[in-house]
C-alpha atoms as a PDB file:
ATOM      1  CA  MET A   1     -35.598  62.135  34.655  1.00  0.00           C
ATOM      2  CA  GLY A   2     -36.245  57.888  33.973  1.00  0.00           C
ATOM      3  CA  MET A   3     -39.025  57.387  35.794  1.00  0.00           C
ATOM      4  CA  SER A   4     -41.117  56.488  33.649  1.00  0.00           C
ATOM      5  CA  LEU A   5     -42.184  52.744  31.687  1.00  0.00           C
ATOM      6  CA  GLY A   6     -44.175  51.939  28.848  1.00  0.00           C
ATOM      7  CA  ASP A   7     -44.924  53.763  25.525  1.00  0.00           C
ATOM      8  CA  SER A   8     -48.465  53.517  24.630  1.00  0.00           C
ATOM      9  CA  VAL A   9     -49.329  52.275  28.500  1.00  0.00           C
ATOM     10  CA  ARG A  10     -47.026  54.382  30.094  1.00  0.00           C
ATOM     11  CA  VAL A  11     -46.863  54.716  34.068  1.00  0.00           C
ATOM     12  CA  THR A  12     -44.376  57.411  36.056  1.00  0.00           C
ATOM     13  CA  LEU A  13     -43.450  57.166  39.946  1.00  0.00           C
ATOM     14  CA  PHE A  14     -43.010  59.573  42.165  1.00  0.00           C
ATOM     15  CA  GLY A  15     -42.754  60.489  45.606  1.00  0.00           C
ATOM     16  CA  GLU A  16     -40.119  59.514  48.498  1.00  0.00           C
ATOM     17  CA  SER A  17     -39.899  57.504  51.062  1.00  0.00           C
ATOM     18  CA  HIS A  18     -40.369  59.903  53.784  1.00  0.00           C
ATOM     19  CA  GLY A  19     -42.047  62.435  51.526  1.00  0.00           C
ATOM     20  CA  THR A  20     -46.029  63.234  51.685  1.00  0.00           C
ATOM     21  CA  ALA A  21     -46.707  60.732  49.306  1.00  0.00           C
ATOM     22  CA  VAL A  22     -45.970  58.134  46.903  1.00  0.00           C
ATOM     23  CA  GLY A  23     -48.137  56.643  43.659  1.00  0.00           C
ATOM     24  CA  ALA A  24     -47.673  56.650  40.067  1.00  0.00           C
ATOM     25  CA  LEU A  25     -49.702  58.507  36.740  1.00  0.00           C
ATOM     26  CA  LEU A  26     -51.129  55.397  34.745  1.00  0.00           C
ATOM     27  CA  GLU A  27     -51.934  56.264  31.138  1.00  0.00           C
ATOM     28  CA  GLY A  28     -52.948  54.583  27.818  1.00  0.00           C
ATOM     29  CA  ILE A  29     -55.633  52.348  29.930  1.00  0.00           C
ATOM     30  CA  PRO A  30     -58.307  52.156  26.873  1.00  0.00           C
ATOM     31  CA  PRO A  31     -61.534  53.648  28.304  1.00  0.00           C
ATOM     32  CA  GLY A  32     -64.544  51.102  29.730  1.00  0.00           C
ATOM     33  CA  VAL A  33     -61.721  48.629  31.652  1.00  0.00           C
ATOM     34  CA  PRO A  34     -63.939  48.051  34.922  1.00  0.00           C
ATOM     35  CA  VAL A  35     -61.760  48.403  37.734  1.00  0.00           C
ATOM     36  CA  ASP A  36     -61.504  46.148  40.368  1.00  0.00           C
ATOM     37  CA  VAL A  37     -61.148  47.560  43.467  1.00  0.00           C
ATOM     38  CA  ALA A  38     -61.014  44.649  45.866  1.00  0.00           C
ATOM     39  CA  SER A  39     -57.984  43.538  44.105  1.00  0.00           C
ATOM     40  CA  LEU A  40     -56.118  46.596  44.202  1.00  0.00           C
ATOM     41  CA  ILE A  41     -56.418  46.295  48.023  1.00  0.00           C
ATOM     42  CA  GLU A  42     -55.115  42.554  47.349  1.00  0.00           C
ATOM     43  CA  ASP A  43     -52.237  43.608  45.481  1.00  0.00           C
ATOM     44  CA  LEU A  44     -51.751  46.234  47.650  1.00  0.00           C
ATOM     45  CA  GLN A  45     -51.608  43.862  51.019  1.00  0.00           C
ATOM     46  CA  ARG A  46     -49.110  41.308  49.638  1.00  0.00           C
ATOM     47  CA  ARG A  47     -46.845  44.374  48.910  1.00  0.00           C
ATOM     48  CA  ARG A  48     -47.326  46.237  52.427  1.00  0.00           C
ATOM     49  CA  PRO A  49     -44.496  46.584  55.180  1.00  0.00           C
ATOM     50  CA  GLY A  50     -45.537  46.047  58.635  1.00  0.00           C
ATOM     51  CA  ARG A  51     -46.342  42.176  57.916  1.00  0.00           C
ATOM     52  CA  ARG A  52     -44.681  39.698  60.484  1.00  0.00           C
ATOM     53  CA  LEU A  53     -40.975  39.072  60.397  1.00  0.00           C
ATOM     54  CA  LEU A  54     -40.694  41.699  57.481  1.00  0.00           C
ATOM     55  CA  SER A  55     -40.205  45.487  57.913  1.00  0.00           C
ATOM     56  CA  ALA A  56     -42.231  46.675  60.943  1.00  0.00           C
ATOM     57  CA  ARG A  57     -43.011  50.128  59.148  1.00  0.00           C
ATOM     58  CA  ALA A  58     -46.834  50.464  59.284  1.00  0.00           C
ATOM     59  CA  GLU A  59     -48.391  52.325  56.415  1.00  0.00           C
ATOM     60  CA  PRO A  60     -51.645  51.440  55.563  1.00  0.00           C
ATOM     61  CA  ASP A  61     -51.239  51.327  51.716  1.00  0.00           C
ATOM     62  CA  ASP A  62     -54.641  53.392  51.012  1.00  0.00           C
ATOM     63  CA  CYS A  63     -54.533  54.056  47.380  1.00  0.00           C
ATOM     64  CA  GLU A  64     -56.742  56.898  46.354  1.00  0.00           C
ATOM     65  CA  ILE A  65     -57.876  57.126  42.623  1.00  0.00           C
ATOM     66  CA  LEU A  66     -57.856  60.740  41.946  1.00  0.00           C
ATOM     67  CA  SER A  67     -58.401  60.842  38.183  1.00  0.00           C
ATOM     68  CA  GLY A  68     -59.444  58.451  35.429  1.00  0.00           C
ATOM     69  CA  VAL A  69     -62.024  56.369  36.858  1.00  0.00           C
ATOM     70  CA  TYR A  70     -65.923  56.875  36.555  1.00  0.00           C
ATOM     71  CA  GLU A  71     -68.496  54.887  38.102  1.00  0.00           C
ATOM     72  CA  GLY A  72     -66.094  51.751  38.387  1.00  0.00           C
ATOM     73  CA  LYS A  73     -64.642  51.696  34.461  1.00  0.00           C
ATOM     74  CA  THR A  74     -61.297  53.698  33.137  1.00  0.00           C
ATOM     75  CA  THR A  75     -62.616  56.770  31.312  1.00  0.00           C
ATOM     76  CA  GLY A  76     -59.808  56.471  28.827  1.00  0.00           C
ATOM     77  CA  TYR A  77     -57.634  59.597  30.438  1.00  0.00           C
ATOM     78  CA  PRO A  78     -54.695  59.299  33.004  1.00  0.00           C
ATOM     79  CA  ILE A  79     -55.384  57.774  36.208  1.00  0.00           C
ATOM     80  CA  LEU A  80     -53.538  59.339  39.287  1.00  0.00           C
ATOM     81  CA  LEU A  81     -53.119  56.521  42.286  1.00  0.00           C
ATOM     82  CA  LEU A  82     -52.027  58.137  45.306  1.00  0.00           C
ATOM     83  CA  ALA A  83     -50.870  56.552  48.432  1.00  0.00           C
ATOM     84  CA  ARG A  84     -49.834  59.097  51.744  1.00  0.00           C
ATOM     85  CA  ASN A  85     -46.723  58.347  53.912  1.00  0.00           C
ATOM     86  CA  LYS A  86     -48.306  58.103  56.965  1.00  0.00           C
ATOM     87  CA  ASP A  87     -45.348  56.167  59.429  1.00  0.00           C
ATOM     88  CA  ALA A  88     -42.013  57.779  58.358  1.00  0.00           C
ATOM     89  CA  LYS A  89     -39.491  58.027  60.911  1.00  0.00           C
ATOM     90  CA  SER A  90     -36.726  60.220  59.463  1.00  0.00           C
ATOM     91  CA  ARG A  91     -34.814  60.204  62.488  1.00  0.00           C
ATOM     92  CA  ASP A  92     -33.161  56.801  61.875  1.00  0.00           C
ATOM     93  CA  TYR A  93     -31.573  58.687  59.256  1.00  0.00           C
ATOM     94  CA  GLY A  94     -29.858  61.535  60.554  1.00  0.00           C
ATOM     95  CA  PHE A  95     -26.130  60.447  59.977  1.00  0.00           C
ATOM     96  CA  LEU A  96     -26.825  61.185  56.182  1.00  0.00           C
ATOM     97  CA  PRO A  97     -25.734  62.742  54.223  1.00  0.00           C
ATOM     98  CA  ASN A  98     -22.418  62.461  56.053  1.00  0.00           C
ATOM     99  CA  GLN A  99     -21.990  58.825  56.172  1.00  0.00           C
ATOM    100  CA  PRO A 100     -23.354  56.965  53.471  1.00  0.00           C
ATOM    101  CA  ARG A 101     -24.824  53.513  53.795  1.00  0.00           C
ATOM    102  CA  PRO A 102     -22.740  50.354  52.364  1.00  0.00           C
ATOM    103  CA  GLY A 103     -24.635  49.073  49.438  1.00  0.00           C
ATOM    104  CA  HIS A 104     -27.036  51.679  49.253  1.00  0.00           C
ATOM    105  CA  ALA A 105     -26.902  54.520  46.641  1.00  0.00           C
ATOM    106  CA  ASP A 106     -26.615  57.525  48.986  1.00  0.00           C
ATOM    107  CA  LEU A 107     -23.650  58.564  47.722  1.00  0.00           C
ATOM    108  CA  PRO A 108     -24.237  58.392  43.984  1.00  0.00           C
ATOM    109  CA  GLU A 109     -27.732  60.285  44.402  1.00  0.00           C
ATOM    110  CA  ALA A 110     -25.646  63.075  46.238  1.00  0.00           C
ATOM    111  CA  THR A 111     -22.964  63.778  43.725  1.00  0.00           C
ATOM    112  CA  ARG A 112     -25.538  63.386  40.788  1.00  0.00           C
ATOM    113  CA  THR A 113     -27.624  65.961  42.305  1.00  0.00           C
ATOM    114  CA  GLY A 114     -25.158  68.219  43.616  1.00  0.00           C
ATOM    115  CA  GLY A 115     -26.779  67.089  47.424  1.00  0.00           C
ATOM    116  CA  ALA A 116     -30.051  68.138  46.482  1.00  0.00           C
ATOM    117  CA  ALA A 117     -31.603  64.808  46.970  1.00  0.00           C
ATOM    118  CA  ASP A 118     -33.864  63.317  49.846  1.00  0.00           C
ATOM    119  CA  LEU A 119     -31.818  60.449  50.497  1.00  0.00           C
ATOM    120  CA  ARG A 120     -34.008  59.520  54.055  1.00  0.00           C
ATOM    121  CA  GLY A 121     -35.172  56.199  53.613  1.00  0.00           C
ATOM    122  CA  GLY A 122     -33.815  55.850  50.293  1.00  0.00           C
ATOM    123  CA  GLY A 123     -36.165  58.549  48.917  1.00  0.00           C
ATOM    124  CA  ALA A 124     -37.002  57.852  45.190  1.00  0.00           C
ATOM    125  CA  ASN A 125     -34.577  55.441  44.970  1.00  0.00           C
ATOM    126  CA  SER A 126     -36.682  53.840  47.655  1.00  0.00           C
ATOM    127  CA  GLY A 127     -38.447  50.151  47.344  1.00  0.00           C
ATOM    128  CA  ARG A 128     -41.670  52.184  48.951  1.00  0.00           C
ATOM    129  CA  LEU A 129     -41.927  53.966  45.447  1.00  0.00           C
ATOM    130  CA  THR A 130     -42.597  49.700  44.161  1.00  0.00           C
ATOM    131  CA  LEU A 131     -46.576  50.783  45.633  1.00  0.00           C
ATOM    132  CA  GLY A 132     -47.389  52.869  42.664  1.00  0.00           C
ATOM    133  CA  LEU A 133     -45.921  49.929  40.190  1.00  0.00           C
ATOM    134  CA  VAL A 134     -48.200  47.528  42.374  1.00  0.00           C
ATOM    135  CA  ALA A 135     -51.586  50.216  41.963  1.00  0.00           C
ATOM    136  CA  ALA A 136     -51.002  50.389  38.087  1.00  0.00           C
ATOM    137  CA  GLY A 137     -50.576  46.554  37.641  1.00  0.00           C
ATOM    138  CA  SER A 138     -53.348  46.142  39.439  1.00  0.00           C
ATOM    139  CA  ILE A 139     -55.396  48.234  36.936  1.00  0.00           C
ATOM    140  CA  ALA A 140     -53.552  47.194  34.070  1.00  0.00           C
ATOM    141  CA  ARG A 141     -54.379  43.801  34.607  1.00  0.00           C
ATOM    142  CA  ASP A 142     -58.319  44.213  34.012  1.00  0.00           C
ATOM    143  CA  ALA A 143     -57.081  45.638  30.421  1.00  0.00           C
ATOM    144  CA  LEU A 144     -54.810  42.064  29.715  1.00  0.00           C
ATOM    145  CA  GLY A 145     -58.038  40.153  28.940  1.00  0.00           C
ATOM    146  CA  ASP A 146     -57.106  36.323  29.189  1.00  0.00           C
ATOM    147  CA  VAL A 147     -53.517  37.251  30.212  1.00  0.00           C
ATOM    148  CA  ARG A 148     -52.707  35.398  33.402  1.00  0.00           C
ATOM    149  CA  VAL A 149     -49.343  36.611  35.357  1.00  0.00           C
ATOM    150  CA  GLN A 150     -48.340  34.710  38.600  1.00  0.00           C
ATOM    151  CA  ALA A 151     -45.155  35.443  41.100  1.00  0.00           C
ATOM    152  CA  HIS A 152     -44.077  33.735  44.270  1.00  0.00           C
ATOM    153  CA  CYS A 153     -41.101  33.878  46.562  1.00  0.00           C
ATOM    154  CA  SER A 154     -39.541  31.084  45.024  1.00  0.00           C
ATOM    155  CA  GLN A 155     -35.698  30.785  46.663  1.00  0.00           C
ATOM    156  CA  ILE A 156     -34.246  32.104  49.745  1.00  0.00           C
ATOM    157  CA  GLY A 157     -30.899  31.696  50.310  1.00  0.00           C
ATOM    158  CA  THR A 158     -30.146  27.818  49.174  1.00  0.00           C
ATOM    159  CA  ILE A 159     -33.895  26.607  50.236  1.00  0.00           C
ATOM    160  CA  GLU A 160     -35.560  26.360  46.803  1.00  0.00           C
ATOM    161  CA  ALA A 161     -39.834  26.457  46.775  1.00  0.00           C
ATOM    162  CA  ALA A 162     -42.053  24.621  43.646  1.00  0.00           C
ATOM    163  CA  PHE A 163     -44.551  26.616  41.871  1.00  0.00           C
ATOM    164  CA  ASP A 164     -47.085  24.857  40.800  1.00  0.00           C
ATOM    165  CA  VAL A 165     -48.357  23.967  44.427  1.00  0.00           C
ATOM    166  CA  GLU A 166     -51.220  24.862  46.163  1.00  0.00           C
ATOM    167  CA  PRO A 167     -50.401  27.762  48.731  1.00  0.00           C
ATOM    168  CA  GLU A 168     -51.918  27.358  51.981  1.00  0.00           C
ATOM    169  CA  GLY A 169     -50.507  28.334  56.496  1.00  0.00           C
ATOM    170  CA  GLU A 170     -49.101  31.017  57.507  1.00  0.00           C
ATOM    171  CA  ALA A 171     -45.886  30.541  55.741  1.00  0.00           C
ATOM    172  CA  CYS A 172     -46.768  31.016  52.714  1.00  0.00           C
ATOM    173  CA  ALA A 173     -48.752  33.964  53.180  1.00  0.00           C
ATOM    174  CA  VAL A 174     -46.359  35.702  54.850  1.00  0.00           C
ATOM    175  CA  LEU A 175     -43.814  34.919  51.918  1.00  0.00           C
ATOM    176  CA  ASN A 176     -45.750  35.059  49.417  1.00  0.00           C
ATOM    177  CA  CYS A 177     -44.674  31.567  48.427  1.00  0.00           C
ATOM    178  CA  ASN A 178     -47.057  28.281  46.556  1.00  0.00           C
ATOM    179  CA  ASP A 179     -44.965  25.280  48.214  1.00  0.00           C
ATOM    180  CA  PRO A 180     -46.122  25.304  52.097  1.00  0.00           C
ATOM    181  CA  ASP A 181     -42.991  22.760  53.423  1.00  0.00           C
ATOM    182  CA  ALA A 182     -40.672  24.968  51.759  1.00  0.00           C
ATOM    183  CA  ALA A 183     -42.240  27.913  52.964  1.00  0.00           C
ATOM    184  CA  LYS A 184     -41.477  26.964  56.665  1.00  0.00           C
ATOM    185  CA  GLN A 185     -38.326  26.060  56.224  1.00  0.00           C
ATOM    186  CA  MET A 186     -37.963  29.887  54.644  1.00  0.00           C
ATOM    187  CA  LEU A 187     -39.652  31.448  57.581  1.00  0.00           C
ATOM    188  CA  GLU A 188     -37.299  29.567  60.107  1.00  0.00           C
ATOM    189  CA  LEU A 189     -34.388  31.141  58.218  1.00  0.00           C
ATOM    190  CA  VAL A 190     -35.659  34.401  58.073  1.00  0.00           C
ATOM    191  CA  LYS A 191     -36.364  34.386  62.119  1.00  0.00           C
ATOM    192  CA  SER A 192     -32.708  33.297  62.509  1.00  0.00           C
ATOM    193  CA  LEU A 193     -31.313  35.957  60.462  1.00  0.00           C
ATOM    194  CA  ARG A 194     -33.623  38.961  61.895  1.00  0.00           C
ATOM    195  CA  LYS A 195     -32.314  37.848  65.192  1.00  0.00           C
ATOM    196  CA  ALA A 196     -28.870  38.080  63.838  1.00  0.00           C
ATOM    197  CA  GLY A 197     -29.337  41.573  62.482  1.00  0.00           C
ATOM    198  CA  ASP A 198     -28.280  40.009  58.928  1.00  0.00           C
ATOM    199  CA  SER A 199     -30.124  40.116  55.397  1.00  0.00           C
ATOM    200  CA  ILE A 200     -30.072  37.328  52.674  1.00  0.00           C
ATOM    201  CA  GLY A 201     -30.281  37.002  49.021  1.00  0.00           C
ATOM    202  CA  SER A 202     -33.591  35.648  47.696  1.00  0.00           C
ATOM    203  CA  THR A 203     -35.614  35.225  43.838  1.00  0.00           C
ATOM    204  CA  VAL A 204     -39.232  35.674  42.359  1.00  0.00           C
ATOM    205  CA  GLU A 205     -40.590  33.615  40.359  1.00  0.00           C
ATOM    206  CA  SER A 206     -43.038  34.767  37.569  1.00  0.00           C
ATOM    207  CA  ARG A 207     -45.148  32.804  34.991  1.00  0.00           C
ATOM    208  CA  ILE A 208     -47.476  34.565  32.301  1.00  0.00           C
ATOM    209  CA  PHE A 209     -50.314  32.659  30.732  1.00  0.00           C
ATOM    210  CA  ASN A 210     -52.252  33.333  27.460  1.00  0.00           C
ATOM    211  CA  VAL A 211     -50.078  35.609  25.548  1.00  0.00           C
ATOM    212  CA  PRO A 212     -51.309  35.736  22.339  1.00  0.00           C
ATOM    213  CA  ILE A 213     -48.554  34.283  19.916  1.00  0.00           C
ATOM    214  CA  GLY A 214     -46.321  37.113  18.104  1.00  0.00           C
ATOM    215  CA  VAL A 215     -46.476  40.088  20.678  1.00  0.00           C
ATOM    216  CA  GLY A 216     -42.900  42.082  21.189  1.00  0.00           C
ATOM    217  CA  GLU A 217     -41.545  44.398  19.010  1.00  0.00           C
ATOM    218  CA  PRO A 218     -38.425  43.745  16.924  1.00  0.00           C
ATOM    219  CA  TRP A 219     -34.676  44.126  18.787  1.00  0.00           C
ATOM    220  CA  PHE A 220     -34.941  46.358  21.640  1.00  0.00           C
ATOM    221  CA  GLU A 221     -38.849  46.452  22.366  1.00  0.00           C
ATOM    222  CA  GLY A 222     -38.965  42.624  21.851  1.00  0.00           C
ATOM    223  CA  LEU A 223     -40.621  40.493  24.848  1.00  0.00           C
ATOM    224  CA  GLU A 224     -37.866  39.646  27.179  1.00  0.00           C
ATOM    225  CA  PRO A 225     -35.529  43.214  26.539  1.00  0.00           C
ATOM    226  CA  ALA A 226     -38.624  44.933  27.474  1.00  0.00           C
ATOM    227  CA  LEU A 227     -39.571  43.241  30.249  1.00  0.00           C
ATOM    228  CA  ALA A 228     -35.560  42.686  31.516  1.00  0.00           C
ATOM    229  CA  ARG A 229     -35.397  46.004  31.461  1.00  0.00           C
ATOM    230  CA  ALA A 230     -38.335  47.165  33.392  1.00  0.00           C
ATOM    231  CA  LEU A 231     -38.262  44.097  36.292  1.00  0.00           C
ATOM    232  CA  MET A 232     -34.193  45.203  36.614  1.00  0.00           C
ATOM    233  CA  ALA A 233     -35.344  48.437  37.690  1.00  0.00           C
ATOM    234  CA  ILE A 234     -36.989  46.961  40.713  1.00  0.00           C
ATOM    235  CA  PRO A 235     -34.799  48.030  43.638  1.00  0.00           C
ATOM    236  CA  GLY A 236     -32.037  45.308  44.532  1.00  0.00           C
ATOM    237  CA  ALA A 237     -32.559  43.396  41.413  1.00  0.00           C
ATOM    238  CA  ARG A 238     -29.418  41.694  40.640  1.00  0.00           C
ATOM    239  CA  GLY A 239     -30.393  39.520  37.506  1.00  0.00           C
ATOM    240  CA  VAL A 240     -33.255  37.992  35.434  1.00  0.00           C
ATOM    241  CA  GLU A 241     -33.689  34.563  33.912  1.00  0.00           C
ATOM    242  CA  PHE A 242     -36.133  33.676  31.140  1.00  0.00           C
ATOM    243  CA  GLY A 243     -37.338  29.818  30.392  1.00  0.00           C
ATOM    244  CA  ARG A 244     -34.364  27.731  31.441  1.00  0.00           C
ATOM    245  CA  GLY A 245     -32.021  30.515  31.876  1.00  0.00           C
ATOM    246  CA  ARG A 246     -28.492  29.839  33.287  1.00  0.00           C
ATOM    247  CA  ASP A 247     -29.281  26.339  32.678  1.00  0.00           C
ATOM    248  CA  ALA A 248     -29.243  26.564  29.120  1.00  0.00           C
ATOM    249  CA  VAL A 249     -25.216  26.964  29.394  1.00  0.00           C
ATOM    250  CA  THR A 250     -25.015  23.511  30.325  1.00  0.00           C
ATOM    251  CA  MET A 251     -27.602  22.121  27.606  1.00  0.00           C
ATOM    252  CA  GLN A 252     -27.009  20.741  24.273  1.00  0.00           C
ATOM    253  CA  GLY A 253     -29.401  22.511  20.847  1.00  0.00           C
ATOM    254  CA  SER A 254     -30.582  19.240  20.429  1.00  0.00           C
ATOM    255  CA  GLU A 255     -32.242  18.871  24.097  1.00  0.00           C
ATOM    256  CA  HIS A 256     -32.950  22.676  24.255  1.00  0.00           C
ATOM    257  CA  ASN A 257     -34.755  23.090  21.143  1.00  0.00           C
ATOM    258  CA  ASP A 258     -38.394  22.464  21.435  1.00  0.00           C
ATOM    259  CA  ALA A 259     -40.483  20.795  18.444  1.00  0.00           C
ATOM    260  CA  TRP A 260     -43.380  22.765  17.738  1.00  0.00           C
ATOM    261  CA  GLY A 261     -46.300  20.972  17.940  1.00  0.00           C
ATOM    262  CA  PRO A 262     -49.999  20.648  16.608  1.00  0.00           C
ATOM    263  CA  GLN A 263     -51.242  23.577  18.450  1.00  0.00           C
ATOM    264  CA  GLY A 264     -49.123  25.615  16.793  1.00  0.00           C
ATOM    265  CA  THR A 265     -47.481  25.924  20.689  1.00  0.00           C
ATOM    266  CA  PRO A 266     -43.497  24.556  21.451  1.00  0.00           C
ATOM    267  CA  LEU A 267     -43.787  21.036  23.289  1.00  0.00           C
ATOM    268  CA  GLY A 268     -41.836  20.541  26.344  1.00  0.00           C
ATOM    269  CA  GLU A 269     -41.778  21.344  30.002  1.00  0.00           C
ATOM    270  CA  ASP A 270     -40.249  25.193  30.239  1.00  0.00           C
ATOM    271  CA  ALA A 271     -41.031  25.284  26.773  1.00  0.00           C
ATOM    272  CA  ASP A 272     -39.558  28.829  25.513  1.00  0.00           C
ATOM    273  CA  GLY A 273     -41.828  31.555  25.878  1.00  0.00           C
ATOM    274  CA  ALA A 274     -40.317  33.861  23.860  1.00  0.00           C
ATOM    275  CA  LEU A 275     -38.264  33.106  20.792  1.00  0.00           C
ATOM    276  CA  GLY A 276     -36.724  36.557  18.718  1.00  0.00           C
ATOM    277  CA  GLY A 277     -38.229  38.640  21.073  1.00  0.00           C
ATOM    278  CA  MET A 278     -41.661  37.619  20.282  1.00  0.00           C
ATOM    279  CA  SER A 279     -44.208  35.292  22.245  1.00  0.00           C
ATOM    280  CA  THR A 280     -44.266  31.955  21.168  1.00  0.00           C
ATOM    281  CA  GLY A 281     -47.993  30.996  22.967  1.00  0.00           C
ATOM    282  CA  ALA A 282     -46.183  28.667  25.699  1.00  0.00           C
ATOM    283  CA  PRO A 283     -46.190  30.460  29.005  1.00  0.00           C
ATOM    284  CA  LEU A 284     -43.353  32.469  29.821  1.00  0.00           C
ATOM    285  CA  ARG A 285     -40.947  31.769  32.883  1.00  0.00           C
ATOM    286  CA  ILE A 286     -39.265  34.724  34.610  1.00  0.00           C
ATOM    287  CA  ARG A 287     -36.814  34.573  37.441  1.00  0.00           C
ATOM    288  CA  VAL A 288     -35.677  38.101  39.190  1.00  0.00           C
ATOM    289  CA  HIS A 289     -32.950  36.994  41.487  1.00  0.00           C
ATOM    290  CA  PHE A 290     -32.677  39.918  44.335  1.00  0.00           C
ATOM    291  CA  LYS A 291     -29.591  41.407  46.531  1.00  0.00           C
ATOM    292  CA  PRO A 292     -29.604  40.711  50.259  1.00  0.00           C
ATOM    293  CA  PRO A 293     -31.142  44.220  51.281  1.00  0.00           C
ATOM    294  CA  SER A 294     -28.611  46.123  52.456  1.00  0.00           C
ATOM    295  CA  SER A 295     -30.152  47.793  55.621  1.00  0.00           C
ATOM    296  CA  ILE A 296     -28.599  45.439  57.822  1.00  0.00           C
ATOM    297  CA  ALA A 297     -28.717  45.889  62.032  1.00  0.00           C
ATOM    298  CA  LEU A 298     -24.957  44.549  62.382  1.00  0.00           C
ATOM    299  CA  PRO A 299     -22.093  47.342  62.900  1.00  0.00           C
ATOM    300  CA  GLN A 300     -20.338  48.270  59.367  1.00  0.00           C
ATOM    301  CA  THR A 301     -17.543  50.671  58.329  1.00  0.00           C
ATOM    302  CA  THR A 302     -18.060  52.788  56.098  1.00  0.00           C
ATOM    303  CA  LEU A 303     -16.685  56.467  54.882  1.00  0.00           C
ATOM    304  CA  HIS A 304     -17.391  59.361  56.853  1.00  0.00           C
ATOM    305  CA  LEU A 305     -17.449  62.486  54.213  1.00  0.00           C
ATOM    306  CA  PRO A 306     -16.530  65.303  56.451  1.00  0.00           C
ATOM    307  CA  SER A 307     -13.814  63.916  57.888  1.00  0.00           C
ATOM    308  CA  GLY A 308     -12.653  61.086  54.952  1.00  0.00           C
ATOM    309  CA  GLU A 309     -12.203  58.743  57.487  1.00  0.00           C
ATOM    310  CA  MET A 310     -13.974  55.284  57.403  1.00  0.00           C
ATOM    311  CA  ARG A 311     -16.253  54.773  60.481  1.00  0.00           C
ATOM    312  CA  GLU A 312     -18.557  52.221  62.107  1.00  0.00           C
ATOM    313  CA  LEU A 313     -21.942  52.611  61.377  1.00  0.00           C
ATOM    314  CA  GLN A 314     -24.997  51.177  62.651  1.00  0.00           C
ATOM    315  CA  ILE A 315     -28.278  51.622  61.292  1.00  0.00           C
ATOM    316  CA  GLY A 316     -31.501  51.883  62.964  1.00  0.00           C
ATOM    317  CA  GLY A 317     -35.004  51.990  60.961  1.00  0.00           C
ATOM    318  CA  ARG A 318     -37.203  49.221  59.876  1.00  0.00           C
ATOM    319  CA  HIS A 319     -36.058  47.164  57.276  1.00  0.00           C
ATOM    320  CA  ASP A 320     -36.688  43.625  55.238  1.00  0.00           C
ATOM    321  CA  PRO A 321     -34.302  41.353  56.258  1.00  0.00           C
ATOM    322  CA  VAL A 322     -35.236  39.470  52.418  1.00  0.00           C
ATOM    323  CA  LEU A 323     -36.807  41.074  49.650  1.00  0.00           C
ATOM    324  CA  ALA A 324     -38.466  38.227  47.094  1.00  0.00           C
ATOM    325  CA  PRO A 325     -41.806  38.148  49.851  1.00  0.00           C
ATOM    326  CA  ARG A 326     -43.065  41.594  49.237  1.00  0.00           C
ATOM    327  CA  ALA A 327     -41.572  41.801  45.365  1.00  0.00           C
ATOM    328  CA  ALA A 328     -43.501  38.936  44.713  1.00  0.00           C
ATOM    329  CA  PRO A 329     -46.761  41.092  43.581  1.00  0.00           C
ATOM    330  CA  VAL A 330     -44.212  44.510  42.545  1.00  0.00           C
ATOM    331  CA  VAL A 331     -42.672  40.940  39.968  1.00  0.00           C
ATOM    332  CA  GLU A 332     -46.362  40.732  39.150  1.00  0.00           C
ATOM    333  CA  ALA A 333     -47.068  44.273  38.145  1.00  0.00           C
ATOM    334  CA  VAL A 334     -44.160  45.154  36.171  1.00  0.00           C
ATOM    335  CA  CYS A 335     -44.654  42.102  34.119  1.00  0.00           C
ATOM    336  CA  ARG A 336     -48.635  43.204  33.637  1.00  0.00           C
ATOM    337  CA  LEU A 337     -47.830  46.598  32.495  1.00  0.00           C
ATOM    338  CA  VAL A 338     -44.996  45.521  29.613  1.00  0.00           C
ATOM    339  CA  ILE A 339     -47.468  42.951  28.259  1.00  0.00           C
ATOM    340  CA  ALA A 340     -49.878  45.450  28.100  1.00  0.00           C
ATOM    341  CA  ASP A 341     -48.226  48.591  26.331  1.00  0.00           C
ATOM    342  CA  LEU A 342     -46.645  45.417  23.853  1.00  0.00           C
ATOM    343  CA  ILE A 343     -50.305  44.087  23.234  1.00  0.00           C
ATOM    344  CA  GLN A 344     -51.405  48.346  22.544  1.00  0.00           C
ATOM    345  CA  MET A 345     -48.629  48.959  20.273  1.00  0.00           C
ATOM    346  CA  ARG A 346     -49.401  45.612  18.644  1.00  0.00           C
ATOM    347  CA  GLU A 347     -53.292  46.721  17.981  1.00  0.00           C
ATOM    348  CA  GLU A 348     -51.749  50.012  17.371  1.00  0.00           C
ATOM    349  CA  ILE A 349     -49.502  49.331  14.168  1.00  0.00           C
END
């Protein structure tokens, strides 16, 4: 079953949204890497539900490190990371499996498993499992040396936010957005959508700095293919752009090409951080686009399996009206894990 990411540095996710716990098994981190527990807690808090205007599920997300770390450093053996679910309300999903939710994987998952899957809260397909990614990515960061990954909520609906701005104020903190002016507008939009019982699409922008030139393997393990595959596995992701992304469609080669500069890296604003699947030494810019969350409070019409009729369904529970704010630390974590894996693969050649 495809719950693992990476080869040399490998993370395997486990758990269900309403099960006992969620977490990850992280393998391939060399011995002697310091584990910054404070950074781990901070990363998990940025992803945590129960924040204002986002999901009201009040999970503390206390992460236990059960193996692979001794006296603050990695041992080189598998690292088991676990967080127990403490605020699941399974009664909110009493209509499953009889009435699969619009926009969710309930029906495909029930069909694939012959009805054996735990569908509550999305089960093993839930965004709850991204906790394991964030925990593993936080530890992988300490093995990356000078490589630095930053991500923020760069767009909600039509409101776009600048990356290179110093975040300040409550709106930036709630939305994981760098741009104070845009964050205030976003917050008002999210408030109105929550009140209306609806949701909206969004984007996370990530930048990866200081990747040594030449990281990335041929073709399917290239830098962009490996990142795209991993990022598209984040629940709700609907598209990934690199560099100038879709804007390149309207450009000519003479304006898109970046000259190699005296320092051996491409020149120009938003120069490509990867060419031919390998890092160029320039910062790598990535945008991950997310669909509107499918769980909304508005009544919807969907199939009632026992009767074969279309019936109204109104979903209760506690859900996010937008994904990018809580997805930003997940995108960061996935980028760290992929880069750590590719660097380790290069060192093993």
